Amino acid sequence: MIEVADVSAGACCSPLVREPLTAPEAEQLAVTMKALADPTRLRLLSIVAASENAEACVCDLIEPVGLSQPTVSHHLKILTAAGFLTRSKRGTWAYYALVPGALDRVSHLLVGS
């Protein structure tokens, strides 16, 4: 089961440059960072973010990354569980939208600004 890191609620911890992470904070941040540590997931996230209204149908994400629909859906599920995307169903297709501020919060954790 994929653990959900709630990046939408704010930062899990103080910026790395200000004070050491606790063990639970490091675990939560690791889940978040693992979701971003895959080139396909980074591409999918950037495609969704650059799409109109920062939202895209899974049907529009298959061709750009050159992977099958089940594989793309798997990557999108990981990004959703990590709190970077939300998912809504419309008919037979799933649409994914960027969680506002999710990437900013990760950046804040790393650089503290």
PDB file of N, CA and C in Angstrom:
ATOM      1  N   MET A   1       0.838  -1.184   0.000  1.00  0.00           N
ATOM      2  CA  MET A   1       0.000   0.000   0.000  1.00  0.00           C
ATOM      3  C   MET A   1       0.879   1.242   0.000  1.00  0.00           C
ATOM      4  N   ILE A   2       0.493   2.241  -0.749  1.00  0.00           N
ATOM      5  CA  ILE A   2       1.244   3.474  -0.836  1.00  0.00           C
ATOM      6  C   ILE A   2       0.805   4.389   0.290  1.00  0.00           C
ATOM      7  N   GLU A   3       1.782   4.896   1.018  1.00  0.00           N
ATOM      8  CA  GLU A   3       1.505   5.821   2.095  1.00  0.00           C
ATOM      9  C   GLU A   3       1.302   7.208   1.521  1.00  0.00           C
ATOM     10  N   VAL A   4       0.350   7.958   2.061  1.00  0.00           N
ATOM     11  CA  VAL A   4       0.063   9.296   1.567  1.00  0.00           C
ATOM     12  C   VAL A   4       0.838  10.316   2.396  1.00  0.00           C
ATOM     13  N   ALA A   5       1.625  11.124   1.726  1.00  0.00           N
ATOM     14  CA  ALA A   5       2.324  12.226   2.369  1.00  0.00           C
ATOM     15  C   ALA A   5       1.499  13.470   2.113  1.00  0.00           C
ATOM     16  N   ASP A   6       1.004  14.096   3.147  1.00  0.00           N
ATOM     17  CA  ASP A   6       0.096  15.218   2.994  1.00  0.00           C
ATOM     18  C   ASP A   6       0.850  16.520   2.766  1.00  0.00           C
ATOM     19  N   VAL A   7       1.341  16.721   1.539  1.00  0.00           N
ATOM     20  CA  VAL A   7       2.040  17.958   1.228  1.00  0.00           C
ATOM     21  C   VAL A   7       1.064  19.107   1.038  1.00  0.00           C
ATOM     22  N   SER A   8      -0.219  18.813   0.875  1.00  0.00           N
ATOM     23  CA  SER A   8      -1.199  19.871   0.676  1.00  0.00           C
ATOM     24  C   SER A   8      -1.496  20.620   1.964  1.00  0.00           C
ATOM     25  N   ALA A   9      -1.235  20.013   3.121  1.00  0.00           N
ATOM     26  CA  ALA A   9      -1.532  20.647   4.401  1.00  0.00           C
ATOM     27  C   ALA A   9      -0.405  21.565   4.855  1.00  0.00           C
ATOM     28  N   GLY A  10       0.676  21.605   4.129  1.00  0.00           N
ATOM     29  CA  GLY A  10       1.805  22.441   4.523  1.00  0.00           C
ATOM     30  C   GLY A  10       3.039  21.584   4.684  1.00  0.00           C
ATOM     31  N   ALA A  11       4.087  22.224   5.055  1.00  0.00           N
ATOM     32  CA  ALA A  11       5.353  21.524   5.198  1.00  0.00           C
ATOM     33  C   ALA A  11       5.296  20.536   6.348  1.00  0.00           C
ATOM     34  N   CYS A  12       5.961  19.399   6.141  1.00  0.00           N
ATOM     35  CA  CYS A  12       5.986  18.378   7.177  1.00  0.00           C
ATOM     36  C   CYS A  12       6.942  18.756   8.286  1.00  0.00           C
ATOM     37  N   CYS A  13       7.830  19.631   7.981  1.00  0.00           N
ATOM     38  CA  CYS A  13       8.905  19.880   8.927  1.00  0.00           C
ATOM     39  C   CYS A  13       9.574  21.208   8.618  1.00  0.00           C
ATOM     40  N   SER A  14      10.514  21.582   9.488  1.00  0.00           N
ATOM     41  CA  SER A  14      11.282  22.806   9.264  1.00  0.00           C
ATOM     42  C   SER A  14      12.202  22.621   8.074  1.00  0.00           C
ATOM     43  N   PRO A  15      12.559  23.703   7.413  1.00  0.00           N
ATOM     44  CA  PRO A  15      13.510  23.575   6.307  1.00  0.00           C
ATOM     45  C   PRO A  15      14.789  22.872   6.760  1.00  0.00           C
ATOM     46  N   LEU A  16      15.347  22.066   5.882  1.00  0.00           N
ATOM     47  CA  LEU A  16      16.541  21.281   6.184  1.00  0.00           C
ATOM     48  C   LEU A  16      17.713  22.145   6.618  1.00  0.00           C
ATOM     49  N   VAL A  17      17.772  23.369   6.135  1.00  0.00           N
ATOM     50  CA  VAL A  17      18.912  24.221   6.443  1.00  0.00           C
ATOM     51  C   VAL A  17      18.782  24.928   7.796  1.00  0.00           C
ATOM     52  N   ARG A  18      17.655  24.778   8.455  1.00  0.00           N
ATOM     53  CA  ARG A  18      17.447  25.476   9.727  1.00  0.00           C
ATOM     54  C   ARG A  18      17.620  24.587  10.944  1.00  0.00           C
ATOM     55  N   GLU A  19      17.141  23.350  10.856  1.00  0.00           N
ATOM     56  CA  GLU A  19      17.283  22.428  11.979  1.00  0.00           C
ATOM     57  C   GLU A  19      17.173  20.998  11.486  1.00  0.00           C
ATOM     58  N   PRO A  20      17.773  20.055  12.220  1.00  0.00           N
ATOM     59  CA  PRO A  20      17.735  18.651  11.783  1.00  0.00           C
ATOM     60  C   PRO A  20      16.304  18.101  11.783  1.00  0.00           C
ATOM     61  N   LEU A  21      16.036  17.192  10.871  1.00  0.00           N
ATOM     62  CA  LEU A  21      14.740  16.523  10.805  1.00  0.00           C
ATOM     63  C   LEU A  21      14.636  15.479  11.912  1.00  0.00           C
ATOM     64  N   THR A  22      13.430  15.286  12.413  1.00  0.00           N
ATOM     65  CA  THR A  22      13.188  14.164  13.303  1.00  0.00           C
ATOM     66  C   THR A  22      13.045  12.920  12.439  1.00  0.00           C
ATOM     67  N   ALA A  23      13.076  11.751  13.051  1.00  0.00           N
ATOM     68  CA  ALA A  23      12.927  10.503  12.291  1.00  0.00           C
ATOM     69  C   ALA A  23      11.590  10.457  11.551  1.00  0.00           C
ATOM     70  N   PRO A  24      10.453  10.787  12.197  1.00  0.00           N
ATOM     71  CA  PRO A  24       9.181  10.767  11.456  1.00  0.00           C
ATOM     72  C   PRO A  24       9.134  11.791  10.321  1.00  0.00           C
ATOM     73  N   GLU A  25       9.720  12.964  10.526  1.00  0.00           N
ATOM     74  CA  GLU A  25       9.755  13.974   9.468  1.00  0.00           C
ATOM     75  C   GLU A  25      10.577  13.474   8.280  1.00  0.00           C
ATOM     76  N   ALA A  26      11.700  12.818   8.568  1.00  0.00           N
ATOM     77  CA  ALA A  26      12.548  12.282   7.505  1.00  0.00           C
ATOM     78  C   ALA A  26      11.811  11.198   6.726  1.00  0.00           C
ATOM     79  N   GLU A  27      11.064  10.348   7.419  1.00  0.00           N
ATOM     80  CA  GLU A  27      10.274   9.310   6.748  1.00  0.00           C
ATOM     81  C   GLU A  27       9.250   9.928   5.807  1.00  0.00           C
ATOM     82  N   GLN A  28       8.529  10.935   6.291  1.00  0.00           N
ATOM     83  CA  GLN A  28       7.497  11.581   5.474  1.00  0.00           C
ATOM     84  C   GLN A  28       8.125  12.277   4.271  1.00  0.00           C
ATOM     85  N   LEU A  29       9.223  12.973   4.484  1.00  0.00           N
ATOM     86  CA  LEU A  29       9.892  13.660   3.384  1.00  0.00           C
ATOM     87  C   LEU A  29      10.448  12.659   2.370  1.00  0.00           C
ATOM     88  N   ALA A  30      10.929  11.521   2.841  1.00  0.00           N
ATOM     89  CA  ALA A  30      11.456  10.494   1.936  1.00  0.00           C
ATOM     90  C   ALA A  30      10.376   9.968   1.000  1.00  0.00           C
ATOM     91  N   VAL A  31       9.161   9.761   1.514  1.00  0.00           N
ATOM     92  CA  VAL A  31       8.046   9.312   0.667  1.00  0.00           C
ATOM     93  C   VAL A  31       7.786  10.345  -0.433  1.00  0.00           C
ATOM     94  N   THR A  32       7.786  11.600  -0.044  1.00  0.00           N
ATOM     95  CA  THR A  32       7.562  12.676  -1.001  1.00  0.00           C
ATOM     96  C   THR A  32       8.664  12.717  -2.051  1.00  0.00           C
ATOM     97  N   MET A  33       9.898  12.638  -1.599  1.00  0.00           N
ATOM     98  CA  MET A  33      11.025  12.725  -2.523  1.00  0.00           C
ATOM     99  C   MET A  33      11.105  11.500  -3.438  1.00  0.00           C
ATOM    100  N   LYS A  34      10.739  10.323  -2.921  1.00  0.00           N
ATOM    101  CA  LYS A  34      10.744   9.112  -3.755  1.00  0.00           C
ATOM    102  C   LYS A  34       9.752   9.252  -4.908  1.00  0.00           C
ATOM    103  N   ALA A  35       8.639   9.912  -4.646  1.00  0.00           N
ATOM    104  CA  ALA A  35       7.653  10.114  -5.709  1.00  0.00           C
ATOM    105  C   ALA A  35       8.235  10.974  -6.830  1.00  0.00           C
ATOM    106  N   LEU A  36       9.120  11.886  -6.491  1.00  0.00           N
ATOM    107  CA  LEU A  36       9.723  12.777  -7.484  1.00  0.00           C
ATOM    108  C   LEU A  36      11.004  12.213  -8.088  1.00  0.00           C
ATOM    109  N   ALA A  37      11.508  11.114  -7.541  1.00  0.00           N
ATOM    110  CA  ALA A  37      12.813  10.592  -7.953  1.00  0.00           C
ATOM    111  C   ALA A  37      12.770   9.704  -9.183  1.00  0.00           C
ATOM    112  N   ASP A  38      11.707   9.770  -9.938  1.00  0.00           N
ATOM    113  CA  ASP A  38      11.570   8.951 -11.136  1.00  0.00           C
ATOM    114  C   ASP A  38      11.399   9.878 -12.345  1.00  0.00           C
ATOM    115  N   PRO A  39      12.181   9.693 -13.391  1.00  0.00           N
ATOM    116  CA  PRO A  39      12.088  10.582 -14.560  1.00  0.00           C
ATOM    117  C   PRO A  39      10.697  10.614 -15.202  1.00  0.00           C
ATOM    118  N   THR A  40      10.032   9.484 -15.265  1.00  0.00           N
ATOM    119  CA  THR A  40       8.685   9.455 -15.853  1.00  0.00           C
ATOM    120  C   THR A  40       7.714  10.260 -15.006  1.00  0.00           C
ATOM    121  N   ARG A  41       7.797  10.112 -13.685  1.00  0.00           N
ATOM    122  CA  ARG A  41       6.887  10.868 -12.808  1.00  0.00           C
ATOM    123  C   ARG A  41       7.170  12.366 -12.892  1.00  0.00           C
ATOM    124  N   LEU A  42       8.424  12.746 -13.001  1.00  0.00           N
ATOM    125  CA  LEU A  42       8.750  14.168 -13.163  1.00  0.00           C
ATOM    126  C   LEU A  42       8.170  14.704 -14.463  1.00  0.00           C
ATOM    127  N   ARG A  43       8.263  13.920 -15.532  1.00  0.00           N
ATOM    128  CA  ARG A  43       7.692  14.351 -16.818  1.00  0.00           C
ATOM    129  C   ARG A  43       6.179  14.470 -16.717  1.00  0.00           C
ATOM    130  N   LEU A  44       5.537  13.462 -16.120  1.00  0.00           N
ATOM    131  CA  LEU A  44       4.081  13.512 -15.985  1.00  0.00           C
ATOM    132  C   LEU A  44       3.649  14.725 -15.166  1.00  0.00           C
ATOM    133  N   LEU A  45       4.343  14.984 -14.081  1.00  0.00           N
ATOM    134  CA  LEU A  45       4.019  16.125 -13.237  1.00  0.00           C
ATOM    135  C   LEU A  45       4.177  17.426 -14.010  1.00  0.00           C
ATOM    136  N   SER A  46       5.231  17.526 -14.803  1.00  0.00           N
ATOM    137  CA  SER A  46       5.448  18.749 -15.577  1.00  0.00           C
ATOM    138  C   SER A  46       4.409  18.909 -16.684  1.00  0.00           C
ATOM    139  N   ILE A  47       3.996  17.804 -17.288  1.00  0.00           N
ATOM    140  CA  ILE A  47       2.968  17.874 -18.340  1.00  0.00           C
ATOM    141  C   ILE A  47       1.643  18.330 -17.740  1.00  0.00           C
ATOM    142  N   VAL A  48       1.271  17.751 -16.600  1.00  0.00           N
ATOM    143  CA  VAL A  48       0.022  18.165 -15.947  1.00  0.00           C
ATOM    144  C   VAL A  48       0.115  19.637 -15.555  1.00  0.00           C
ATOM    145  N   ALA A  49       1.227  20.041 -14.942  1.00  0.00           N
ATOM    146  CA  ALA A  49       1.391  21.428 -14.498  1.00  0.00           C
ATOM    147  C   ALA A  49       1.316  22.415 -15.659  1.00  0.00           C
ATOM    148  N   ALA A  50       1.830  22.023 -16.825  1.00  0.00           N
ATOM    149  CA  ALA A  50       1.843  22.910 -17.994  1.00  0.00           C
ATOM    150  C   ALA A  50       0.542  22.869 -18.793  1.00  0.00           C
ATOM    151  N   SER A  51      -0.344  21.941 -18.456  1.00  0.00           N
ATOM    152  CA  SER A  51      -1.622  21.820 -19.172  1.00  0.00           C
ATOM    153  C   SER A  51      -2.581  22.927 -18.747  1.00  0.00           C
ATOM    154  N   GLU A  52      -3.589  23.155 -19.582  1.00  0.00           N
ATOM    155  CA  GLU A  52      -4.606  24.150 -19.277  1.00  0.00           C
ATOM    156  C   GLU A  52      -5.235  23.854 -17.920  1.00  0.00           C
ATOM    157  N   ASN A  53      -5.302  24.862 -17.077  1.00  0.00           N
ATOM    158  CA  ASN A  53      -5.828  24.749 -15.708  1.00  0.00           C
ATOM    159  C   ASN A  53      -5.033  23.761 -14.854  1.00  0.00           C
ATOM    160  N   ALA A  54      -3.798  23.461 -15.224  1.00  0.00           N
ATOM    161  CA  ALA A  54      -2.928  22.512 -14.505  1.00  0.00           C
ATOM    162  C   ALA A  54      -3.668  21.197 -14.266  1.00  0.00           C
ATOM    163  N   GLU A  55      -4.366  20.726 -15.325  1.00  0.00           N
ATOM    164  CA  GLU A  55      -5.139  19.491 -15.255  1.00  0.00           C
ATOM    165  C   GLU A  55      -5.042  18.769 -16.591  1.00  0.00           C
ATOM    166  N   ALA A  56      -4.961  17.418 -16.533  1.00  0.00           N
ATOM    167  CA  ALA A  56      -4.878  16.639 -17.771  1.00  0.00           C
ATOM    168  C   ALA A  56      -5.565  15.296 -17.598  1.00  0.00           C
ATOM    169  N   CYS A  57      -6.117  14.813 -18.697  1.00  0.00           N
ATOM    170  CA  CYS A  57      -6.720  13.485 -18.740  1.00  0.00           C
ATOM    171  C   CYS A  57      -5.607  12.461 -18.894  1.00  0.00           C
ATOM    172  N   VAL A  58      -5.757  11.328 -18.240  1.00  0.00           N
ATOM    173  CA  VAL A  58      -4.762  10.265 -18.386  1.00  0.00           C
ATOM    174  C   VAL A  58      -4.616   9.884 -19.860  1.00  0.00           C
ATOM    175  N   CYS A  59      -5.685  10.001 -20.624  1.00  0.00           N
ATOM    176  CA  CYS A  59      -5.637   9.670 -22.055  1.00  0.00           C
ATOM    177  C   CYS A  59      -4.676  10.581 -22.821  1.00  0.00           C
ATOM    178  N   ASP A  60      -4.436  11.791 -22.313  1.00  0.00           N
ATOM    179  CA  ASP A  60      -3.524  12.729 -22.960  1.00  0.00           C
ATOM    180  C   ASP A  60      -2.090  12.600 -22.456  1.00  0.00           C
ATOM    181  N   LEU A  61      -1.865  11.738 -21.480  1.00  0.00           N
ATOM    182  CA  LEU A  61      -0.529  11.601 -20.893  1.00  0.00           C
ATOM    183  C   LEU A  61       0.213  10.366 -21.393  1.00  0.00           C
ATOM    184  N   ILE A  62      -0.489   9.477 -22.054  1.00  0.00           N
ATOM    185  CA  ILE A  62       0.100   8.209 -22.491  1.00  0.00           C
ATOM    186  C   ILE A  62       1.122   8.433 -23.608  1.00  0.00           C
ATOM    187  N   GLU A  63       0.712   9.122 -24.665  1.00  0.00           N
ATOM    188  CA  GLU A  63       1.577   9.309 -25.828  1.00  0.00           C
ATOM    189  C   GLU A  63       2.851  10.107 -25.509  1.00  0.00           C
ATOM    190  N   PRO A  64       2.768  11.205 -24.755  1.00  0.00           N
ATOM    191  CA  PRO A  64       3.987  11.981 -24.505  1.00  0.00           C
ATOM    192  C   PRO A  64       5.095  11.214 -23.779  1.00  0.00           C
ATOM    193  N   VAL A  65       4.734  10.278 -22.917  1.00  0.00           N
ATOM    194  CA  VAL A  65       5.769   9.527 -22.195  1.00  0.00           C
ATOM    195  C   VAL A  65       6.060   8.177 -22.830  1.00  0.00           C
ATOM    196  N   GLY A  66       5.239   7.767 -23.807  1.00  0.00           N
ATOM    197  CA  GLY A  66       5.498   6.538 -24.549  1.00  0.00           C
ATOM    198  C   GLY A  66       5.348   5.264 -23.739  1.00  0.00           C
ATOM    199  N   LEU A  67       4.442   5.288 -22.769  1.00  0.00           N
ATOM    200  CA  LEU A  67       4.202   4.110 -21.935  1.00  0.00           C
ATOM    201  C   LEU A  67       2.742   3.698 -22.039  1.00  0.00           C
ATOM    202  N   SER A  68       2.443   2.490 -21.598  1.00  0.00           N
ATOM    203  CA  SER A  68       1.070   1.996 -21.644  1.00  0.00           C
ATOM    204  C   SER A  68       0.202   2.722 -20.617  1.00  0.00           C
ATOM    205  N   GLN A  69      -1.102   2.682 -20.842  1.00  0.00           N
ATOM    206  CA  GLN A  69      -2.040   3.336 -19.926  1.00  0.00           C
ATOM    207  C   GLN A  69      -1.917   2.788 -18.504  1.00  0.00           C
ATOM    208  N   PRO A  70      -1.811   1.471 -18.278  1.00  0.00           N
ATOM    209  CA  PRO A  70      -1.659   0.987 -16.904  1.00  0.00           C
ATOM    210  C   PRO A  70      -0.383   1.499 -16.223  1.00  0.00           C
ATOM    211  N   THR A  71       0.706   1.603 -16.983  1.00  0.00           N
ATOM    212  CA  THR A  71       1.964   2.097 -16.407  1.00  0.00           C
ATOM    213  C   THR A  71       1.855   3.576 -16.059  1.00  0.00           C
ATOM    214  N   VAL A  72       1.265   4.357 -16.951  1.00  0.00           N
ATOM    215  CA  VAL A  72       1.065   5.782 -16.682  1.00  0.00           C
ATOM    216  C   VAL A  72       0.157   5.951 -15.463  1.00  0.00           C
ATOM    217  N   SER A  73      -0.904   5.169 -15.381  1.00  0.00           N
ATOM    218  CA  SER A  73      -1.815   5.241 -14.240  1.00  0.00           C
ATOM    219  C   SER A  73      -1.104   4.898 -12.936  1.00  0.00           C
ATOM    220  N   HIS A  74      -0.204   3.933 -12.984  1.00  0.00           N
ATOM    221  CA  HIS A  74       0.573   3.575 -11.793  1.00  0.00           C
ATOM    222  C   HIS A  74       1.415   4.764 -11.315  1.00  0.00           C
ATOM    223  N   HIS A  75       2.100   5.415 -12.237  1.00  0.00           N
ATOM    224  CA  HIS A  75       2.921   6.575 -11.877  1.00  0.00           C
ATOM    225  C   HIS A  75       2.052   7.717 -11.336  1.00  0.00           C
ATOM    226  N   LEU A  76       0.901   7.926 -11.947  1.00  0.00           N
ATOM    227  CA  LEU A  76      -0.007   8.979 -11.486  1.00  0.00           C
ATOM    228  C   LEU A  76      -0.548   8.664 -10.089  1.00  0.00           C
ATOM    229  N   LYS A  77      -0.774   7.387  -9.810  1.00  0.00           N
ATOM    230  CA  LYS A  77      -1.242   6.979  -8.481  1.00  0.00           C
ATOM    231  C   LYS A  77      -0.195   7.317  -7.420  1.00  0.00           C
ATOM    232  N   ILE A  78       1.071   7.109  -7.730  1.00  0.00           N
ATOM    233  CA  ILE A  78       2.150   7.428  -6.790  1.00  0.00           C
ATOM    234  C   ILE A  78       2.211   8.938  -6.553  1.00  0.00           C
ATOM    235  N   LEU A  79       2.105   9.722  -7.610  1.00  0.00           N
ATOM    236  CA  LEU A  79       2.125  11.179  -7.464  1.00  0.00           C
ATOM    237  C   LEU A  79       0.911  11.678  -6.685  1.00  0.00           C
ATOM    238  N   THR A  80      -0.224  11.024  -6.862  1.00  0.00           N
ATOM    239  CA  THR A  80      -1.428  11.393  -6.127  1.00  0.00           C
ATOM    240  C   THR A  80      -1.273  11.042  -4.652  1.00  0.00           C
ATOM    241  N   ALA A  81      -0.784   9.852  -4.369  1.00  0.00           N
ATOM    242  CA  ALA A  81      -0.592   9.426  -2.982  1.00  0.00           C
ATOM    243  C   ALA A  81       0.422  10.304  -2.252  1.00  0.00           C
ATOM    244  N   ALA A  82       1.388  10.839  -2.993  1.00  0.00           N
ATOM    245  CA  ALA A  82       2.396  11.706  -2.394  1.00  0.00           C
ATOM    246  C   ALA A  82       1.883  13.140  -2.206  1.00  0.00           C
ATOM    247  N   GLY A  83       0.684  13.413  -2.710  1.00  0.00           N
ATOM    248  CA  GLY A  83       0.074  14.725  -2.495  1.00  0.00           C
ATOM    249  C   GLY A  83       0.364  15.758  -3.561  1.00  0.00           C
ATOM    250  N   PHE A  84       0.915  15.348  -4.702  1.00  0.00           N
ATOM    251  CA  PHE A  84       1.215  16.299  -5.766  1.00  0.00           C
ATOM    252  C   PHE A  84       0.051  16.499  -6.728  1.00  0.00           C
ATOM    253  N   LEU A  85      -0.769  15.465  -6.900  1.00  0.00           N
ATOM    254  CA  LEU A  85      -1.901  15.524  -7.831  1.00  0.00           C
ATOM    255  C   LEU A  85      -3.187  15.123  -7.128  1.00  0.00           C
ATOM    256  N   THR A  86      -4.297  15.595  -7.673  1.00  0.00           N
ATOM    257  CA  THR A  86      -5.608  15.087  -7.271  1.00  0.00           C
ATOM    258  C   THR A  86      -6.189  14.375  -8.477  1.00  0.00           C
ATOM    259  N   ARG A  87      -7.126  13.479  -8.220  1.00  0.00           N
ATOM    260  CA  ARG A  87      -7.725  12.679  -9.287  1.00  0.00           C
ATOM    261  C   ARG A  87      -9.235  12.843  -9.248  1.00  0.00           C
ATOM    262  N   SER A  88      -9.827  13.040 -10.421  1.00  0.00           N
ATOM    263  CA  SER A  88     -11.286  13.058 -10.533  1.00  0.00           C
ATOM    264  C   SER A  88     -11.679  12.207 -11.730  1.00  0.00           C
ATOM    265  N   LYS A  89     -12.814  11.583 -11.642  1.00  0.00           N
ATOM    266  CA  LYS A  89     -13.292  10.684 -12.690  1.00  0.00           C
ATOM    267  C   LYS A  89     -14.378  11.390 -13.488  1.00  0.00           C
ATOM    268  N   ARG A  90     -14.266  11.339 -14.808  1.00  0.00           N
ATOM    269  CA  ARG A  90     -15.280  11.899 -15.710  1.00  0.00           C
ATOM    270  C   ARG A  90     -15.545  10.861 -16.783  1.00  0.00           C
ATOM    271  N   GLY A  91     -16.679  10.219 -16.686  1.00  0.00           N
ATOM    272  CA  GLY A  91     -16.987   9.132 -17.610  1.00  0.00           C
ATOM    273  C   GLY A  91     -16.027   7.985 -17.369  1.00  0.00           C
ATOM    274  N   THR A  92     -15.363   7.539 -18.423  1.00  0.00           N
ATOM    275  CA  THR A  92     -14.433   6.418 -18.272  1.00  0.00           C
ATOM    276  C   THR A  92     -12.998   6.869 -18.015  1.00  0.00           C
ATOM    277  N   TRP A  93     -12.737   8.183 -18.065  1.00  0.00           N
ATOM    278  CA  TRP A  93     -11.373   8.673 -17.926  1.00  0.00           C
ATOM    279  C   TRP A  93     -11.142   9.342 -16.584  1.00  0.00           C
ATOM    280  N   ALA A  94      -9.905   9.254 -16.137  1.00  0.00           N
ATOM    281  CA  ALA A  94      -9.486   9.944 -14.919  1.00  0.00           C
ATOM    282  C   ALA A  94      -8.730  11.197 -15.320  1.00  0.00           C
ATOM    283  N   TYR A  95      -8.989  12.273 -14.601  1.00  0.00           N
ATOM    284  CA  TYR A  95      -8.300  13.538 -14.816  1.00  0.00           C
ATOM    285  C   TYR A  95      -7.461  13.845 -13.585  1.00  0.00           C
ATOM    286  N   TYR A  96      -6.269  14.347 -13.828  1.00  0.00           N
ATOM    287  CA  TYR A  96      -5.342  14.648 -12.748  1.00  0.00           C
ATOM    288  C   TYR A  96      -5.035  16.135 -12.749  1.00  0.00           C
ATOM    289  N   ALA A  97      -5.035  16.723 -11.560  1.00  0.00           N
ATOM    290  CA  ALA A  97      -4.753  18.146 -11.423  1.00  0.00           C
ATOM    291  C   ALA A  97      -3.643  18.347 -10.396  1.00  0.00           C
ATOM    292  N   LEU A  98      -2.817  19.339 -10.639  1.00  0.00           N
ATOM    293  CA  LEU A  98      -1.739  19.682  -9.733  1.00  0.00           C
ATOM    294  C   LEU A  98      -2.322  20.281  -8.460  1.00  0.00           C
ATOM    295  N   VAL A  99      -1.866  19.815  -7.313  1.00  0.00           N
ATOM    296  CA  VAL A  99      -2.291  20.386  -6.034  1.00  0.00           C
ATOM    297  C   VAL A  99      -1.606  21.749  -5.905  1.00  0.00           C
ATOM    298  N   PRO A 100      -2.387  22.812  -5.744  1.00  0.00           N
ATOM    299  CA  PRO A 100      -1.774  24.141  -5.648  1.00  0.00           C
ATOM    300  C   PRO A 100      -0.751  24.208  -4.508  1.00  0.00           C
ATOM    301  N   GLY A 101       0.429  24.696  -4.833  1.00  0.00           N
ATOM    302  CA  GLY A 101       1.463  24.894  -3.827  1.00  0.00           C
ATOM    303  C   GLY A 101       2.264  23.666  -3.435  1.00  0.00           C
ATOM    304  N   ALA A 102       1.927  22.482  -3.961  1.00  0.00           N
ATOM    305  CA  ALA A 102       2.621  21.252  -3.546  1.00  0.00           C
ATOM    306  C   ALA A 102       4.110  21.317  -3.862  1.00  0.00           C
ATOM    307  N   LEU A 103       4.455  21.790  -5.033  1.00  0.00           N
ATOM    308  CA  LEU A 103       5.872  21.879  -5.402  1.00  0.00           C
ATOM    309  C   LEU A 103       6.576  22.992  -4.643  1.00  0.00           C
ATOM    310  N   ASP A 104       5.874  24.069  -4.361  1.00  0.00           N
ATOM    311  CA  ASP A 104       6.457  25.162  -3.580  1.00  0.00           C
ATOM    312  C   ASP A 104       6.829  24.696  -2.176  1.00  0.00           C
ATOM    313  N   ARG A 105       5.982  23.859  -1.581  1.00  0.00           N
ATOM    314  CA  ARG A 105       6.258  23.375  -0.222  1.00  0.00           C
ATOM    315  C   ARG A 105       7.503  22.494  -0.190  1.00  0.00           C
ATOM    316  N   VAL A 106       7.688  21.667  -1.220  1.00  0.00           N
ATOM    317  CA  VAL A 106       8.889  20.826  -1.271  1.00  0.00           C
ATOM    318  C   VAL A 106      10.119  21.713  -1.433  1.00  0.00           C
ATOM    319  N   SER A 107      10.031  22.704  -2.287  1.00  0.00           N
ATOM    320  CA  SER A 107      11.131  23.638  -2.485  1.00  0.00           C
ATOM    321  C   SER A 107      11.469  24.343  -1.178  1.00  0.00           C
ATOM    322  N   HIS A 108      10.462  24.759  -0.444  1.00  0.00           N
ATOM    323  CA  HIS A 108      10.667  25.446   0.835  1.00  0.00           C
ATOM    324  C   HIS A 108      11.409  24.549   1.820  1.00  0.00           C
ATOM    325  N   LEU A 109      11.089  23.275   1.834  1.00  0.00           N
ATOM    326  CA  LEU A 109      11.766  22.341   2.729  1.00  0.00           C
ATOM    327  C   LEU A 109      13.251  22.228   2.417  1.00  0.00           C
ATOM    328  N   LEU A 110      13.575  22.279   1.134  1.00  0.00           N
ATOM    329  CA  LEU A 110      14.958  22.077   0.720  1.00  0.00           C
ATOM    330  C   LEU A 110      15.819  23.330   0.872  1.00  0.00           C
ATOM    331  N   VAL A 111      15.242  24.485   0.577  1.00  0.00           N
ATOM    332  CA  VAL A 111      16.058  25.701   0.587  1.00  0.00           C
ATOM    333  C   VAL A 111      15.682  26.679   1.704  1.00  0.00           C
ATOM    334  N   GLY A 112      14.525  26.480   2.300  1.00  0.00           N
ATOM    335  CA  GLY A 112      14.135  27.294   3.441  1.00  0.00           C
ATOM    336  C   GLY A 112      13.713  28.707   3.108  1.00  0.00           C
ATOM    337  N   SER A 113      13.390  28.988   1.860  1.00  0.00           N
ATOM    338  CA  SER A 113      12.953  30.340   1.545  1.00  0.00           C
ATOM    339  C   SER A 113      11.533  30.362   1.061  1.00  0.00           C
TER     340      SER A 113
END
